[in-house]
Amino acid sequence: MSSKTIRYRTINITNLLPNGLKMVTSDYIERTNDLSKLKELEIKYDEYLNKNCQILSLLNQIDECIEIRDLITMKIAQIERTEKLKYCKEKQQTNHSSVWGTLELTPKQKQDGYIICNNSPQFHKCGCVSCDYHCSQKPQLRLFNYCVEHMRLKRKLDRLEREVEDLKYNLTNIE
């Protein structure tokens, strides 16, 4: 009887991983405010995870990589939100003086006793501004300064309401 010897070759799984990606810490991510650097790092982690998903699972390192990639994504979103908020605040401050001209009361309304409400004016993210006025004997008054998109929609609404009024008038004349 002849015996055959089967030799198995052991492979170190860590040698299969490319050495191109260095692991970053959460402290590094929190300290970094460079948006382009973070986006580049996010792309590298996405590609690394896509290419090496199975090997990382075997090594039980996939959770760490996904957590780091998620931290990077959240930091990017946080920076983008703060930049957008900063831009909106700057835009509101520059538009603030021009807005008051359109939101001021007429002399008649001032004479009637209308005064501005405590929470006015309200600046909306889109660029619209609304201002509420109240008077003890009359209903509350709300003035608007619309952004470009809402101004377009308001004009369309006004045009459609005029068409409805014309149709109602024409229908009453038929009888």
N, C-alpha and C. Protein backbone atom coordinates (compact mmCIF):
# COMPACT_ATOMS: atom_id res chain seq x y z
N MET A 1 0.82 -1.15 0.00
CA MET A 1 0.00 0.00 0.00
C MET A 1 0.89 1.24 0.00
N SER A 2 0.54 2.14 -0.88
CA SER A 2 1.35 3.35 -0.95
C SER A 2 0.62 4.50 -0.27
N SER A 3 1.37 5.25 0.40
CA SER A 3 0.74 6.38 1.09
C SER A 3 1.13 7.68 0.37
N LYS A 4 0.17 8.49 0.22
CA LYS A 4 0.41 9.79 -0.42
C LYS A 4 0.43 10.86 0.65
N THR A 5 1.34 11.74 0.50
CA THR A 5 1.43 12.83 1.44
C THR A 5 0.89 14.08 0.76
N ILE A 6 -0.06 14.66 1.39
CA ILE A 6 -0.62 15.90 0.86
C ILE A 6 -0.08 17.04 1.69
N ARG A 7 0.49 17.99 1.02
CA ARG A 7 1.05 19.14 1.71
C ARG A 7 0.13 20.34 1.49
N TYR A 8 -0.24 20.90 2.55
CA TYR A 8 -1.06 22.10 2.49
C TYR A 8 -0.18 23.31 2.75
N ARG A 9 -0.46 24.31 2.00
CA ARG A 9 0.29 25.54 2.18
C ARG A 9 -0.56 26.51 3.00
N THR A 10 0.01 27.02 4.03
CA THR A 10 -0.73 27.98 4.84
C THR A 10 -0.46 29.39 4.31
N ILE A 11 -1.52 30.12 4.27
CA ILE A 11 -1.43 31.49 3.75
C ILE A 11 -1.79 32.43 4.88
N ASN A 12 -0.97 33.42 5.06
CA ASN A 12 -1.26 34.46 6.03
C ASN A 12 -2.22 35.46 5.37
N ILE A 13 -3.44 35.56 5.90
CA ILE A 13 -4.47 36.38 5.26
C ILE A 13 -4.09 37.85 5.25
N THR A 14 -3.39 38.29 6.25
CA THR A 14 -3.02 39.71 6.30
C THR A 14 -2.11 40.10 5.15
N ASN A 15 -1.42 39.10 4.58
CA ASN A 15 -0.56 39.41 3.43
C ASN A 15 -1.37 39.68 2.17
N LEU A 16 -2.63 39.27 2.16
CA LEU A 16 -3.47 39.50 0.99
C LEU A 16 -3.99 40.94 0.91
N LEU A 17 -3.99 41.64 2.03
CA LEU A 17 -4.47 43.01 2.04
C LEU A 17 -3.42 43.95 1.46
N PRO A 18 -3.87 44.89 0.65
CA PRO A 18 -2.91 45.88 0.15
C PRO A 18 -2.49 46.81 1.29
N ASN A 19 -1.29 47.26 1.23
CA ASN A 19 -0.77 48.10 2.31
C ASN A 19 -1.04 49.58 2.08
N GLY A 20 -1.82 49.95 1.07
CA GLY A 20 -2.00 51.34 0.69
C GLY A 20 -2.82 52.19 1.63
N LEU A 21 -3.63 51.60 2.49
CA LEU A 21 -4.52 52.39 3.33
C LEU A 21 -4.03 52.40 4.77
N LYS A 22 -3.78 53.57 5.28
CA LYS A 22 -3.40 53.66 6.69
C LYS A 22 -4.66 53.94 7.50
N MET A 23 -4.73 53.32 8.64
CA MET A 23 -5.89 53.50 9.51
C MET A 23 -5.76 54.85 10.22
N VAL A 24 -6.84 55.60 10.22
CA VAL A 24 -6.85 56.89 10.91
C VAL A 24 -7.68 56.76 12.17
N THR A 25 -7.41 57.62 13.11
CA THR A 25 -8.13 57.57 14.38
C THR A 25 -9.31 58.54 14.35
N SER A 26 -10.22 58.34 15.27
CA SER A 26 -11.38 59.23 15.36
C SER A 26 -10.95 60.63 15.78
N ASP A 27 -9.88 60.73 16.57
CA ASP A 27 -9.37 62.06 16.96
C ASP A 27 -8.88 62.84 15.74
N TYR A 28 -8.19 62.14 14.84
CA TYR A 28 -7.71 62.79 13.62
C TYR A 28 -8.89 63.32 12.79
N ILE A 29 -9.93 62.51 12.69
CA ILE A 29 -11.11 62.91 11.91
C ILE A 29 -11.77 64.12 12.55
N GLU A 30 -11.90 64.13 13.86
CA GLU A 30 -12.53 65.25 14.56
C GLU A 30 -11.73 66.54 14.42
N ARG A 31 -10.41 66.43 14.40
CA ARG A 31 -9.56 67.63 14.30
C ARG A 31 -9.49 68.18 12.88
N THR A 32 -9.70 67.33 11.88
CA THR A 32 -9.56 67.75 10.49
C THR A 32 -10.79 68.51 10.04
N ASN A 33 -10.58 69.69 9.50
CA ASN A 33 -11.68 70.50 8.97
C ASN A 33 -11.53 70.75 7.47
N ASP A 34 -10.55 70.12 6.86
CA ASP A 34 -10.33 70.28 5.43
C ASP A 34 -11.29 69.34 4.68
N LEU A 35 -12.27 69.94 4.03
CA LEU A 35 -13.33 69.16 3.38
C LEU A 35 -12.78 68.29 2.25
N SER A 36 -11.87 68.83 1.45
CA SER A 36 -11.33 68.06 0.32
C SER A 36 -10.52 66.86 0.81
N LYS A 37 -9.77 67.05 1.88
CA LYS A 37 -8.98 65.94 2.44
C LYS A 37 -9.89 64.85 2.98
N LEU A 38 -10.97 65.25 3.65
CA LEU A 38 -11.91 64.26 4.18
C LEU A 38 -12.66 63.52 3.09
N LYS A 39 -13.04 64.24 2.03
CA LYS A 39 -13.72 63.56 0.91
C LYS A 39 -12.80 62.56 0.22
N GLU A 40 -11.55 62.94 0.07
CA GLU A 40 -10.57 62.03 -0.53
C GLU A 40 -10.38 60.79 0.34
N LEU A 41 -10.31 60.99 1.64
CA LEU A 41 -10.16 59.88 2.58
C LEU A 41 -11.40 58.98 2.55
N GLU A 42 -12.57 59.58 2.43
CA GLU A 42 -13.82 58.79 2.35
C GLU A 42 -13.83 57.92 1.11
N ILE A 43 -13.40 58.47 -0.01
CA ILE A 43 -13.35 57.70 -1.26
C ILE A 43 -12.38 56.54 -1.12
N LYS A 44 -11.20 56.79 -0.52
CA LYS A 44 -10.22 55.72 -0.33
C LYS A 44 -10.79 54.60 0.54
N TYR A 45 -11.48 54.97 1.63
CA TYR A 45 -12.06 53.95 2.50
C TYR A 45 -13.17 53.18 1.79
N ASP A 46 -13.99 53.86 1.00
CA ASP A 46 -15.03 53.16 0.24
C ASP A 46 -14.43 52.14 -0.72
N GLU A 47 -13.43 52.57 -1.46
CA GLU A 47 -12.78 51.65 -2.41
C GLU A 47 -12.13 50.49 -1.68
N TYR A 48 -11.45 50.77 -0.59
CA TYR A 48 -10.79 49.74 0.20
C TYR A 48 -11.79 48.73 0.72
N LEU A 49 -12.91 49.23 1.24
CA LEU A 49 -13.94 48.31 1.75
C LEU A 49 -14.56 47.48 0.64
N ASN A 50 -14.80 48.09 -0.50
CA ASN A 50 -15.39 47.34 -1.62
C ASN A 50 -14.47 46.25 -2.13
N LYS A 51 -13.18 46.54 -2.20
CA LYS A 51 -12.21 45.56 -2.73
C LYS A 51 -11.91 44.44 -1.73
N ASN A 52 -11.88 44.76 -0.47
CA ASN A 52 -11.38 43.82 0.54
C ASN A 52 -12.42 43.42 1.57
N CYS A 53 -13.66 43.45 1.20
CA CYS A 53 -14.74 43.18 2.14
C CYS A 53 -14.64 41.78 2.76
N GLN A 54 -14.41 40.76 1.95
CA GLN A 54 -14.38 39.40 2.47
C GLN A 54 -13.16 39.14 3.35
N ILE A 55 -12.02 39.66 2.95
CA ILE A 55 -10.81 39.46 3.75
C ILE A 55 -10.94 40.19 5.09
N LEU A 56 -11.48 41.41 5.04
CA LEU A 56 -11.67 42.16 6.29
C LEU A 56 -12.65 41.46 7.21
N SER A 57 -13.66 40.80 6.63
CA SER A 57 -14.60 40.04 7.46
C SER A 57 -13.91 38.88 8.15
N LEU A 58 -13.04 38.20 7.42
CA LEU A 58 -12.32 37.08 8.02
C LEU A 58 -11.40 37.54 9.14
N LEU A 59 -10.84 38.71 8.98
CA LEU A 59 -9.93 39.24 9.99
C LEU A 59 -10.65 39.99 11.11
N ASN A 60 -11.96 40.09 11.01
CA ASN A 60 -12.78 40.83 11.97
C ASN A 60 -12.36 42.30 12.07
N GLN A 61 -11.97 42.86 10.96
CA GLN A 61 -11.59 44.27 10.92
C GLN A 61 -12.58 45.11 10.14
N ILE A 62 -13.57 44.48 9.57
CA ILE A 62 -14.51 45.22 8.72
C ILE A 62 -15.31 46.24 9.53
N ASP A 63 -15.68 45.89 10.75
CA ASP A 63 -16.45 46.83 11.58
C ASP A 63 -15.66 48.09 11.87
N GLU A 64 -14.36 47.94 12.13
CA GLU A 64 -13.52 49.10 12.39
C GLU A 64 -13.43 50.00 11.16
N CYS A 65 -13.24 49.40 10.00
CA CYS A 65 -13.14 50.19 8.77
C CYS A 65 -14.45 50.90 8.45
N ILE A 66 -15.55 50.22 8.63
CA ILE A 66 -16.86 50.82 8.37
C ILE A 66 -17.12 51.96 9.36
N GLU A 67 -16.72 51.75 10.61
CA GLU A 67 -16.91 52.80 11.61
C GLU A 67 -16.10 54.05 11.27
N ILE A 68 -14.86 53.85 10.84
CA ILE A 68 -14.03 55.00 10.45
C ILE A 68 -14.61 55.70 9.24
N ARG A 69 -15.05 54.92 8.26
CA ARG A 69 -15.65 55.52 7.06
C ARG A 69 -16.91 56.31 7.41
N ASP A 70 -17.72 55.77 8.33
CA ASP A 70 -18.93 56.46 8.76
C ASP A 70 -18.61 57.75 9.52
N LEU A 71 -17.57 57.72 10.35
CA LEU A 71 -17.14 58.93 11.05
C LEU A 71 -16.72 60.01 10.06
N ILE A 72 -16.02 59.60 9.03
CA ILE A 72 -15.59 60.54 8.00
C ILE A 72 -16.80 61.14 7.30
N THR A 73 -17.76 60.30 6.95
CA THR A 73 -18.98 60.76 6.27
C THR A 73 -19.76 61.74 7.15
N MET A 74 -19.86 61.44 8.44
CA MET A 74 -20.58 62.34 9.35
C MET A 74 -19.85 63.67 9.51
N LYS A 75 -18.52 63.62 9.55
CA LYS A 75 -17.75 64.86 9.68
C LYS A 75 -17.92 65.72 8.43
N ILE A 76 -17.93 65.10 7.25
CA ILE A 76 -18.15 65.83 6.00
C ILE A 76 -19.52 66.50 6.03
N ALA A 77 -20.55 65.76 6.45
CA ALA A 77 -21.90 66.32 6.52
C ALA A 77 -21.97 67.47 7.52
N GLN A 78 -21.27 67.33 8.64
CA GLN A 78 -21.25 68.38 9.66
C GLN A 78 -20.60 69.65 9.10
N ILE A 79 -19.48 69.51 8.41
CA ILE A 79 -18.80 70.67 7.84
C ILE A 79 -19.67 71.34 6.79
N GLU A 80 -20.31 70.53 5.94
CA GLU A 80 -21.18 71.10 4.90
C GLU A 80 -22.37 71.83 5.51
N ARG A 81 -22.95 71.29 6.59
CA ARG A 81 -24.07 71.96 7.26
C ARG A 81 -23.63 73.29 7.86
N THR A 82 -22.47 73.31 8.52
CA THR A 82 -22.02 74.56 9.13
C THR A 82 -21.68 75.61 8.07
N GLU A 83 -21.12 75.17 6.93
CA GLU A 83 -20.83 76.11 5.85
C GLU A 83 -22.12 76.67 5.26
N LYS A 84 -23.12 75.81 5.09
CA LYS A 84 -24.40 76.26 4.55
C LYS A 84 -25.08 77.22 5.52
N LEU A 85 -25.04 76.91 6.81
CA LEU A 85 -25.63 77.78 7.82
C LEU A 85 -24.91 79.13 7.84
N LYS A 86 -23.60 79.10 7.74
CA LYS A 86 -22.81 80.33 7.72
C LYS A 86 -23.17 81.17 6.49
N TYR A 87 -23.32 80.50 5.34
CA TYR A 87 -23.71 81.20 4.11
C TYR A 87 -25.09 81.82 4.25
N CYS A 88 -26.04 81.07 4.84
CA CYS A 88 -27.40 81.58 5.01
C CYS A 88 -27.41 82.79 5.95
N LYS A 89 -26.64 82.74 7.02
CA LYS A 89 -26.59 83.86 7.95
C LYS A 89 -26.00 85.10 7.28
N GLU A 90 -24.93 84.90 6.49
CA GLU A 90 -24.34 86.03 5.78
C GLU A 90 -25.33 86.62 4.78
N LYS A 91 -26.06 85.75 4.09
CA LYS A 91 -27.04 86.20 3.11
C LYS A 91 -28.16 86.98 3.81
N GLN A 92 -28.59 86.49 4.97
CA GLN A 92 -29.64 87.19 5.71
C GLN A 92 -29.17 88.56 6.16
N GLN A 93 -27.92 88.65 6.60
CA GLN A 93 -27.41 89.94 7.07
C GLN A 93 -27.30 90.94 5.92
N THR A 94 -26.90 90.48 4.74
CA THR A 94 -26.79 91.41 3.61
C THR A 94 -28.16 91.80 3.09
N ASN A 95 -29.12 90.90 3.16
CA ASN A 95 -30.47 91.20 2.67
C ASN A 95 -31.32 91.90 3.72
N HIS A 96 -30.85 91.94 4.95
CA HIS A 96 -31.65 92.46 6.06
C HIS A 96 -32.10 93.91 5.81
N SER A 97 -31.19 94.76 5.35
CA SER A 97 -31.55 96.16 5.16
C SER A 97 -32.51 96.34 3.98
N SER A 98 -32.33 95.55 2.90
CA SER A 98 -33.22 95.69 1.76
C SER A 98 -34.58 95.07 2.01
N VAL A 99 -34.65 94.11 2.93
CA VAL A 99 -35.91 93.43 3.23
C VAL A 99 -36.87 94.36 3.96
N TRP A 100 -36.37 95.19 4.87
CA TRP A 100 -37.25 96.01 5.68
C TRP A 100 -38.06 96.99 4.85
N GLY A 101 -37.54 97.41 3.70
CA GLY A 101 -38.31 98.31 2.86
C GLY A 101 -39.61 97.68 2.38
N THR A 102 -39.58 96.37 2.08
CA THR A 102 -40.78 95.70 1.58
C THR A 102 -41.68 95.19 2.71
N LEU A 103 -41.15 95.12 3.92
CA LEU A 103 -41.94 94.58 5.03
C LEU A 103 -42.46 95.67 5.97
N GLU A 104 -42.27 96.92 5.62
CA GLU A 104 -42.74 98.00 6.47
C GLU A 104 -44.23 98.23 6.27
N LEU A 105 -44.86 98.72 7.32
CA LEU A 105 -46.28 99.03 7.27
C LEU A 105 -46.51 100.34 6.52
N THR A 106 -47.70 100.47 5.97
CA THR A 106 -48.10 101.74 5.36
C THR A 106 -48.44 102.73 6.47
N PRO A 107 -48.44 104.02 6.17
CA PRO A 107 -48.82 104.99 7.20
C PRO A 107 -50.22 104.72 7.78
N LYS A 108 -51.15 104.26 6.96
CA LYS A 108 -52.51 103.95 7.42
C LYS A 108 -52.49 102.81 8.43
N GLN A 109 -51.69 101.76 8.12
CA GLN A 109 -51.60 100.61 9.05
C GLN A 109 -50.95 101.03 10.36
N LYS A 110 -49.95 101.88 10.28
CA LYS A 110 -49.30 102.37 11.51
C LYS A 110 -50.29 103.19 12.33
N GLN A 111 -51.11 103.98 11.64
CA GLN A 111 -52.10 104.82 12.32
C GLN A 111 -53.16 103.95 12.98
N ASP A 112 -53.49 102.81 12.36
CA ASP A 112 -54.49 101.91 12.93
C ASP A 112 -53.99 101.20 14.20
N GLY A 113 -52.69 101.25 14.45
CA GLY A 113 -52.17 100.68 15.69
C GLY A 113 -51.45 99.36 15.52
N TYR A 114 -51.11 98.97 14.32
CA TYR A 114 -50.38 97.72 14.13
C TYR A 114 -48.96 97.87 14.66
N ILE A 115 -48.50 96.84 15.40
CA ILE A 115 -47.12 96.81 15.89
C ILE A 115 -46.54 95.43 15.56
N ILE A 116 -45.22 95.38 15.48
CA ILE A 116 -44.54 94.14 15.09
C ILE A 116 -44.61 93.12 16.24
N CYS A 117 -44.78 91.86 15.89
CA CYS A 117 -44.82 90.78 16.89
C CYS A 117 -43.40 90.51 17.40
N ASN A 118 -43.31 89.84 18.53
CA ASN A 118 -42.02 89.56 19.16
C ASN A 118 -41.12 88.67 18.31
N ASN A 119 -41.66 87.67 17.64
CA ASN A 119 -40.85 86.71 16.91
C ASN A 119 -40.64 87.10 15.45
N SER A 120 -40.82 88.35 15.11
CA SER A 120 -40.68 88.79 13.73
C SER A 120 -39.44 89.64 13.58
N PRO A 121 -38.85 89.70 12.42
CA PRO A 121 -39.13 88.93 11.21
C PRO A 121 -38.57 87.52 11.32
N GLN A 122 -39.14 86.64 10.52
CA GLN A 122 -38.68 85.25 10.46
C GLN A 122 -37.95 85.05 9.14
N PHE A 123 -36.69 84.62 9.23
CA PHE A 123 -35.89 84.35 8.05
C PHE A 123 -35.93 82.85 7.79
N HIS A 124 -36.31 82.46 6.58
CA HIS A 124 -36.40 81.06 6.21
C HIS A 124 -35.17 80.66 5.41
N LYS A 125 -34.86 79.36 5.41
CA LYS A 125 -33.65 78.86 4.76
C LYS A 125 -33.61 79.17 3.27
N CYS A 126 -34.76 79.19 2.63
CA CYS A 126 -34.81 79.42 1.18
C CYS A 126 -34.49 80.86 0.82
N GLY A 127 -34.62 81.77 1.76
CA GLY A 127 -34.38 83.19 1.50
C GLY A 127 -35.62 84.04 1.72
N CYS A 128 -36.77 83.41 1.92
CA CYS A 128 -38.00 84.15 2.19
C CYS A 128 -37.94 84.78 3.58
N VAL A 129 -38.65 85.88 3.73
CA VAL A 129 -38.74 86.55 5.01
C VAL A 129 -40.20 86.88 5.25
N SER A 130 -40.68 86.61 6.45
CA SER A 130 -42.06 86.97 6.80
C SER A 130 -42.03 87.81 8.06
N CYS A 131 -42.96 88.72 8.15
CA CYS A 131 -43.03 89.61 9.30
C CYS A 131 -44.49 89.71 9.73
N ASP A 132 -44.74 89.46 11.01
CA ASP A 132 -46.10 89.50 11.55
C ASP A 132 -46.31 90.79 12.34
N TYR A 133 -47.50 91.38 12.15
CA TYR A 133 -47.90 92.57 12.89
C TYR A 133 -49.25 92.27 13.53
N HIS A 134 -49.49 92.82 14.71
CA HIS A 134 -50.78 92.62 15.35
C HIS A 134 -51.34 93.95 15.85
N CYS A 135 -52.65 93.93 15.94
CA CYS A 135 -53.39 95.10 16.40
C CYS A 135 -54.51 94.58 17.29
N SER A 136 -54.86 95.31 18.33
CA SER A 136 -55.86 94.80 19.27
C SER A 136 -57.25 94.73 18.65
N GLN A 137 -57.61 95.65 17.75
CA GLN A 137 -58.96 95.65 17.20
C GLN A 137 -59.08 94.98 15.83
N LYS A 138 -57.98 94.65 15.20
CA LYS A 138 -58.04 94.11 13.83
C LYS A 138 -57.30 92.77 13.76
N PRO A 139 -57.55 92.02 12.68
CA PRO A 139 -56.85 90.73 12.54
C PRO A 139 -55.35 90.92 12.32
N GLN A 140 -54.63 89.85 12.61
CA GLN A 140 -53.17 89.89 12.46
C GLN A 140 -52.80 90.07 10.99
N LEU A 141 -51.72 90.78 10.76
CA LEU A 141 -51.26 91.09 9.41
C LEU A 141 -49.91 90.43 9.21
N ARG A 142 -49.73 89.75 8.07
CA ARG A 142 -48.46 89.08 7.76
C ARG A 142 -47.97 89.58 6.40
N LEU A 143 -46.75 90.11 6.38
CA LEU A 143 -46.14 90.58 5.14
C LEU A 143 -45.00 89.64 4.76
N PHE A 144 -44.83 89.43 3.45
CA PHE A 144 -43.82 88.50 2.96
C PHE A 144 -42.86 89.19 2.00
N ASN A 145 -41.64 88.70 2.01
CA ASN A 145 -40.66 89.01 0.98
C ASN A 145 -40.17 87.65 0.49
N TYR A 146 -40.58 87.27 -0.73
CA TYR A 146 -40.34 85.92 -1.22
C TYR A 146 -38.97 85.79 -1.89
N CYS A 147 -38.42 84.56 -1.83
CA CYS A 147 -37.22 84.24 -2.61
C CYS A 147 -37.66 84.07 -4.06
N VAL A 148 -36.71 83.91 -4.96
CA VAL A 148 -37.00 83.83 -6.40
C VAL A 148 -37.95 82.68 -6.71
N GLU A 149 -37.66 81.50 -6.16
CA GLU A 149 -38.48 80.32 -6.46
C GLU A 149 -39.91 80.48 -5.93
N HIS A 150 -40.04 80.96 -4.71
CA HIS A 150 -41.38 81.13 -4.15
C HIS A 150 -42.13 82.30 -4.80
N MET A 151 -41.40 83.30 -5.26
CA MET A 151 -42.04 84.40 -5.99
C MET A 151 -42.64 83.87 -7.29
N ARG A 152 -41.90 82.99 -7.97
CA ARG A 152 -42.42 82.38 -9.20
C ARG A 152 -43.68 81.57 -8.90
N LEU A 153 -43.65 80.79 -7.82
CA LEU A 153 -44.82 79.99 -7.46
C LEU A 153 -46.00 80.87 -7.03
N LYS A 154 -45.72 81.97 -6.34
CA LYS A 154 -46.78 82.89 -5.91
C LYS A 154 -47.45 83.53 -7.12
N ARG A 155 -46.67 83.95 -8.09
CA ARG A 155 -47.24 84.53 -9.31
C ARG A 155 -48.10 83.51 -10.05
N LYS A 156 -47.63 82.27 -10.09
CA LYS A 156 -48.41 81.21 -10.74
C LYS A 156 -49.72 80.99 -10.00
N LEU A 157 -49.68 80.97 -8.67
CA LEU A 157 -50.88 80.81 -7.86
C LEU A 157 -51.85 81.95 -8.10
N ASP A 158 -51.35 83.18 -8.13
CA ASP A 158 -52.21 84.34 -8.37
C ASP A 158 -52.87 84.26 -9.75
N ARG A 159 -52.08 83.86 -10.76
CA ARG A 159 -52.63 83.72 -12.11
C ARG A 159 -53.72 82.66 -12.15
N LEU A 160 -53.49 81.52 -11.49
CA LEU A 160 -54.49 80.45 -11.47
C LEU A 160 -55.75 80.88 -10.71
N GLU A 161 -55.58 81.62 -9.63
CA GLU A 161 -56.75 82.11 -8.89
C GLU A 161 -57.56 83.08 -9.73
N ARG A 162 -56.89 83.93 -10.52
CA ARG A 162 -57.61 84.84 -11.43
C ARG A 162 -58.39 84.06 -12.49
N GLU A 163 -57.76 83.00 -13.00
CA GLU A 163 -58.45 82.17 -13.99
C GLU A 163 -59.68 81.50 -13.40
N VAL A 164 -59.58 81.03 -12.16
CA VAL A 164 -60.73 80.41 -11.49
C VAL A 164 -61.85 81.43 -11.31
N GLU A 165 -61.49 82.65 -10.90
CA GLU A 165 -62.49 83.70 -10.73
C GLU A 165 -63.17 84.01 -12.06
N ASP A 166 -62.39 84.07 -13.15
CA ASP A 166 -62.97 84.32 -14.47
C ASP A 166 -63.91 83.20 -14.88
N LEU A 167 -63.52 81.95 -14.60
CA LEU A 167 -64.39 80.82 -14.93
C LEU A 167 -65.68 80.86 -14.12
N LYS A 168 -65.58 81.19 -12.84
CA LYS A 168 -66.79 81.30 -12.02
C LYS A 168 -67.71 82.40 -12.56
N TYR A 169 -67.13 83.51 -12.94
CA TYR A 169 -67.92 84.61 -13.49
C TYR A 169 -68.60 84.18 -14.78
N ASN A 170 -67.87 83.51 -15.66
CA ASN A 170 -68.45 83.03 -16.92
C ASN A 170 -69.55 82.00 -16.69
N LEU A 171 -69.38 81.14 -15.70
CA LEU A 171 -70.41 80.14 -15.41
C LEU A 171 -71.69 80.80 -14.87
N THR A 172 -71.54 81.82 -14.08
CA THR A 172 -72.74 82.50 -13.56
C THR A 172 -73.46 83.25 -14.68
N ASN A 173 -72.77 83.70 -15.70
CA ASN A 173 -73.39 84.40 -16.81
C ASN A 173 -74.10 83.46 -17.78
N ILE A 174 -73.77 82.18 -17.74
CA ILE A 174 -74.41 81.20 -18.64
C ILE A 174 -75.85 81.01 -18.23
N GLU A 175 -76.17 81.02 -16.99
CA GLU A 175 -77.54 80.75 -16.52
C GLU A 175 -78.41 81.87 -16.81
